[in-house]
Amino acid sequence: MNSLNIQIRPVTPPDVPAISALAREIWQATYPGIITQEQIDFMLEQRYGHERLYDDLEDADMWLDQAFHDGRRVGFAFSQLHAGEFKLDKLYIHPDVQRQGVGGQLIAHVAARAAKLGYPCVILAVNKRNDKAIASYRKYGFAVRDSIVDDIGHGFVMDDFVMEKKL
């Protein structure tokens, strides 16, 4: 694995349209065959619509980070305090640079924040059919802790594993 030299910076309001567009590009490359196009569109609007992202930036218990390689935005990670735990809520890397260490560097960044705040682990939820992501999370020290099915509305569910990385 080549490890790219990346810079991690906080997402700011002017970055919102680019993060939304990057999410759409990554989701279209990742989720067809795992969930329906209708669910992809619903979840993108629900989680990456501009207003939602602007609201997330205002939340004191949420951190939005983005990764750049050679000046190009190549990924992002959102983390938050959730039900008393530190959660890596979103981690997406552009397909062009997957398996080159970008995700690992973002995970390390998030884990360092969690540790600094005194949390003993980082949790995340990942679609049970997203084999590539599950393998990547295992590589970076996550293990399956639970299996959940969450109704997210409009007839859609998230059928996920909850994974945990001890710090």
Protein backbone atom coordinates (compact mmCIF):
# COMPACT_ATOMS: atom_id res chain seq x y z
CA MET A 1 0.00 0.00 0.00
CA ASN A 2 1.27 3.44 -0.90
CA SER A 3 0.47 5.91 1.84
CA LEU A 4 -0.38 9.29 0.41
CA ASN A 5 0.72 12.44 2.17
CA ILE A 6 -2.54 14.12 3.06
CA GLN A 7 -3.54 17.27 4.88
CA ILE A 8 -6.55 17.12 7.18
CA ARG A 9 -8.51 20.32 7.72
CA PRO A 10 -11.86 21.15 9.29
CA VAL A 11 -14.82 21.56 6.96
CA THR A 12 -15.98 25.19 6.88
CA PRO A 13 -19.17 26.70 5.44
CA PRO A 14 -17.58 27.48 2.03
CA ASP A 15 -16.64 23.76 1.76
CA VAL A 16 -20.23 22.51 2.06
CA PRO A 17 -21.09 22.37 -1.68
CA ALA A 18 -17.86 20.50 -2.43
CA ILE A 19 -18.41 18.00 0.41
CA SER A 20 -21.97 17.40 -0.81
CA ALA A 21 -20.71 16.81 -4.37
CA LEU A 22 -17.89 14.52 -3.19
CA ALA A 23 -20.36 12.48 -1.13
CA ARG A 24 -22.58 12.03 -4.18
CA GLU A 25 -19.63 10.94 -6.34
CA ILE A 26 -18.36 8.44 -3.77
CA TRP A 27 -21.82 7.04 -3.00
CA GLN A 28 -22.54 6.51 -6.71
CA ALA A 29 -19.29 4.55 -6.98
CA THR A 30 -19.90 2.54 -3.78
CA TYR A 31 -23.53 1.76 -3.06
CA PRO A 32 -25.22 0.53 -6.28
CA GLY A 33 -25.67 -3.21 -5.74
CA ILE A 34 -25.63 -2.73 -1.96
CA ILE A 35 -28.73 -0.53 -1.65
CA THR A 36 -31.21 0.73 -4.25
CA GLN A 37 -30.71 3.95 -6.20
CA GLU A 38 -33.84 5.28 -4.49
CA GLN A 39 -32.29 4.71 -1.07
CA ILE A 40 -29.00 6.24 -2.23
CA ASP A 41 -30.81 9.39 -3.37
CA PHE A 42 -32.86 9.55 -0.16
CA MET A 43 -29.83 9.13 2.11
CA LEU A 44 -27.71 11.60 0.16
CA GLU A 45 -30.38 14.27 0.55
CA GLN A 46 -30.99 13.35 4.18
CA ARG A 47 -27.30 13.38 5.18
CA TYR A 48 -25.52 15.57 2.63
CA GLY A 49 -28.00 18.24 1.64
CA HIS A 50 -26.44 21.67 2.05
CA GLU A 51 -28.74 22.72 4.91
CA ARG A 52 -28.00 19.52 6.84
CA LEU A 53 -24.25 20.06 6.44
CA TYR A 54 -24.50 23.70 7.54
CA ASP A 55 -26.44 22.54 10.61
CA ASP A 56 -23.81 19.88 11.34
CA LEU A 57 -21.11 22.56 11.31
CA GLU A 58 -22.97 24.39 14.09
CA ASP A 59 -23.16 21.32 16.34
CA ALA A 60 -20.59 21.53 19.16
CA ASP A 61 -20.59 17.73 19.55
CA MET A 62 -19.76 17.08 15.89
CA TRP A 63 -16.47 17.40 14.01
CA LEU A 64 -16.27 17.52 10.22
CA ASP A 65 -12.83 16.91 8.75
CA GLN A 66 -11.69 16.72 5.14
CA ALA A 67 -8.57 15.26 3.57
CA PHE A 68 -6.59 16.82 0.75
CA HIS A 69 -3.86 15.31 -1.42
CA ASP A 70 -1.90 17.69 -3.65
CA GLY A 71 -4.60 20.32 -3.14
CA ARG A 72 -7.43 17.98 -4.17
CA ARG A 73 -10.20 17.07 -1.70
CA VAL A 74 -10.07 13.26 -1.57
CA GLY A 75 -12.15 12.31 1.45
CA PHE A 76 -13.85 13.29 4.65
CA ALA A 77 -14.69 12.02 8.11
CA PHE A 78 -17.44 13.23 10.40
CA SER A 79 -17.33 12.26 14.06
CA GLN A 80 -19.65 13.01 16.92
CA LEU A 81 -20.66 12.28 20.47
CA HIS A 82 -23.53 9.81 20.20
CA ALA A 83 -25.35 8.15 23.12
CA GLY A 84 -22.34 8.63 25.39
CA GLU A 85 -19.84 7.24 22.89
CA PHE A 86 -17.47 8.68 20.31
CA LYS A 87 -18.77 7.77 16.86
CA LEU A 88 -17.10 7.92 13.49
CA ASP A 89 -20.34 8.76 11.73
CA LYS A 90 -19.10 9.16 8.17
CA LEU A 91 -15.86 8.16 6.45
CA TYR A 92 -15.66 8.38 2.69
CA ILE A 93 -12.63 8.27 0.43
CA HIS A 94 -12.64 8.95 -3.31
CA PRO A 95 -12.28 5.67 -5.24
CA ASP A 96 -9.17 7.00 -7.03
CA VAL A 97 -7.23 7.02 -3.74
CA GLN A 98 -8.80 4.17 -1.80
CA ARG A 99 -6.35 1.67 -0.31
CA GLN A 100 -3.61 4.31 -0.20
CA GLY A 101 -3.83 5.16 3.50
CA VAL A 102 -6.17 8.15 3.35
CA GLY A 103 -8.86 6.39 5.38
CA GLY A 104 -6.29 5.22 7.89
CA GLN A 105 -5.00 8.75 8.38
CA LEU A 106 -8.54 10.07 8.89
CA ILE A 107 -9.31 7.23 11.32
CA ALA A 108 -6.11 8.04 13.27
CA HIS A 109 -7.12 11.72 13.35
CA VAL A 110 -10.58 10.88 14.70
CA ALA A 111 -9.20 8.33 17.19
CA ALA A 112 -6.72 10.90 18.52
CA ARG A 113 -9.57 13.35 19.10
CA ALA A 114 -11.61 10.67 20.90
CA ALA A 115 -8.65 9.73 23.10
CA LYS A 116 -7.91 13.38 23.91
CA LEU A 117 -11.53 13.77 25.02
CA GLY A 118 -11.21 10.69 27.23
CA TYR A 119 -13.22 8.14 25.26
CA PRO A 120 -12.01 4.51 25.46
CA CYS A 121 -13.13 3.57 21.94
CA VAL A 122 -14.50 4.79 18.63
CA ILE A 123 -17.61 3.17 17.18
CA LEU A 124 -19.08 3.24 13.67
CA ALA A 125 -21.91 1.68 11.71
CA VAL A 126 -21.28 0.06 8.32
CA ASN A 127 -23.65 -1.61 5.89
CA LYS A 128 -23.41 -5.38 6.33
CA ARG A 129 -23.01 -5.80 2.55
CA ASN A 130 -20.17 -3.27 2.20
CA ASP A 131 -17.43 -5.90 2.30
CA LYS A 132 -14.64 -3.56 1.18
CA ALA A 133 -15.36 -1.07 3.97
CA ILE A 134 -15.67 -3.81 6.59
CA ALA A 135 -12.30 -5.26 5.56
CA SER A 136 -10.73 -1.81 5.71
CA TYR A 137 -12.14 -1.09 9.16
CA ARG A 138 -10.84 -4.45 10.41
CA LYS A 139 -7.40 -3.55 9.05
CA TYR A 140 -7.48 -0.39 11.17
CA GLY A 141 -8.41 -2.20 14.38
CA PHE A 142 -12.22 -2.23 14.37
CA ALA A 143 -14.18 -5.35 15.33
CA VAL A 144 -17.88 -6.08 15.00
CA ARG A 145 -19.68 -5.37 18.28
CA ASP A 146 -23.33 -5.59 17.24
CA SER A 147 -25.76 -6.03 14.37
CA ILE A 148 -28.58 -3.49 13.94
CA VAL A 149 -31.42 -2.63 11.59
CA ASP A 150 -32.58 1.01 11.78
CA ASP A 151 -35.70 2.31 10.08
CA ILE A 152 -34.68 5.61 8.46
CA GLY A 153 -38.06 6.41 6.98
CA HIS A 154 -39.70 6.26 3.55
CA GLY A 155 -39.60 2.45 3.71
CA PHE A 156 -35.79 2.30 3.94
CA VAL A 157 -33.63 0.68 6.60
CA MET A 158 -29.97 0.69 7.43
CA ASP A 159 -28.86 -2.92 7.93
CA ASP A 160 -25.54 -2.38 9.67
CA PHE A 161 -22.81 -3.79 11.80
CA VAL A 162 -21.70 -1.62 14.69
CA MET A 163 -17.92 -1.84 14.85
CA GLU A 164 -15.64 -0.69 17.65
CA LYS A 165 -11.98 0.28 17.87
CA LYS A 166 -10.51 0.28 21.36
CA LEU A 167 -8.11 3.13 22.01
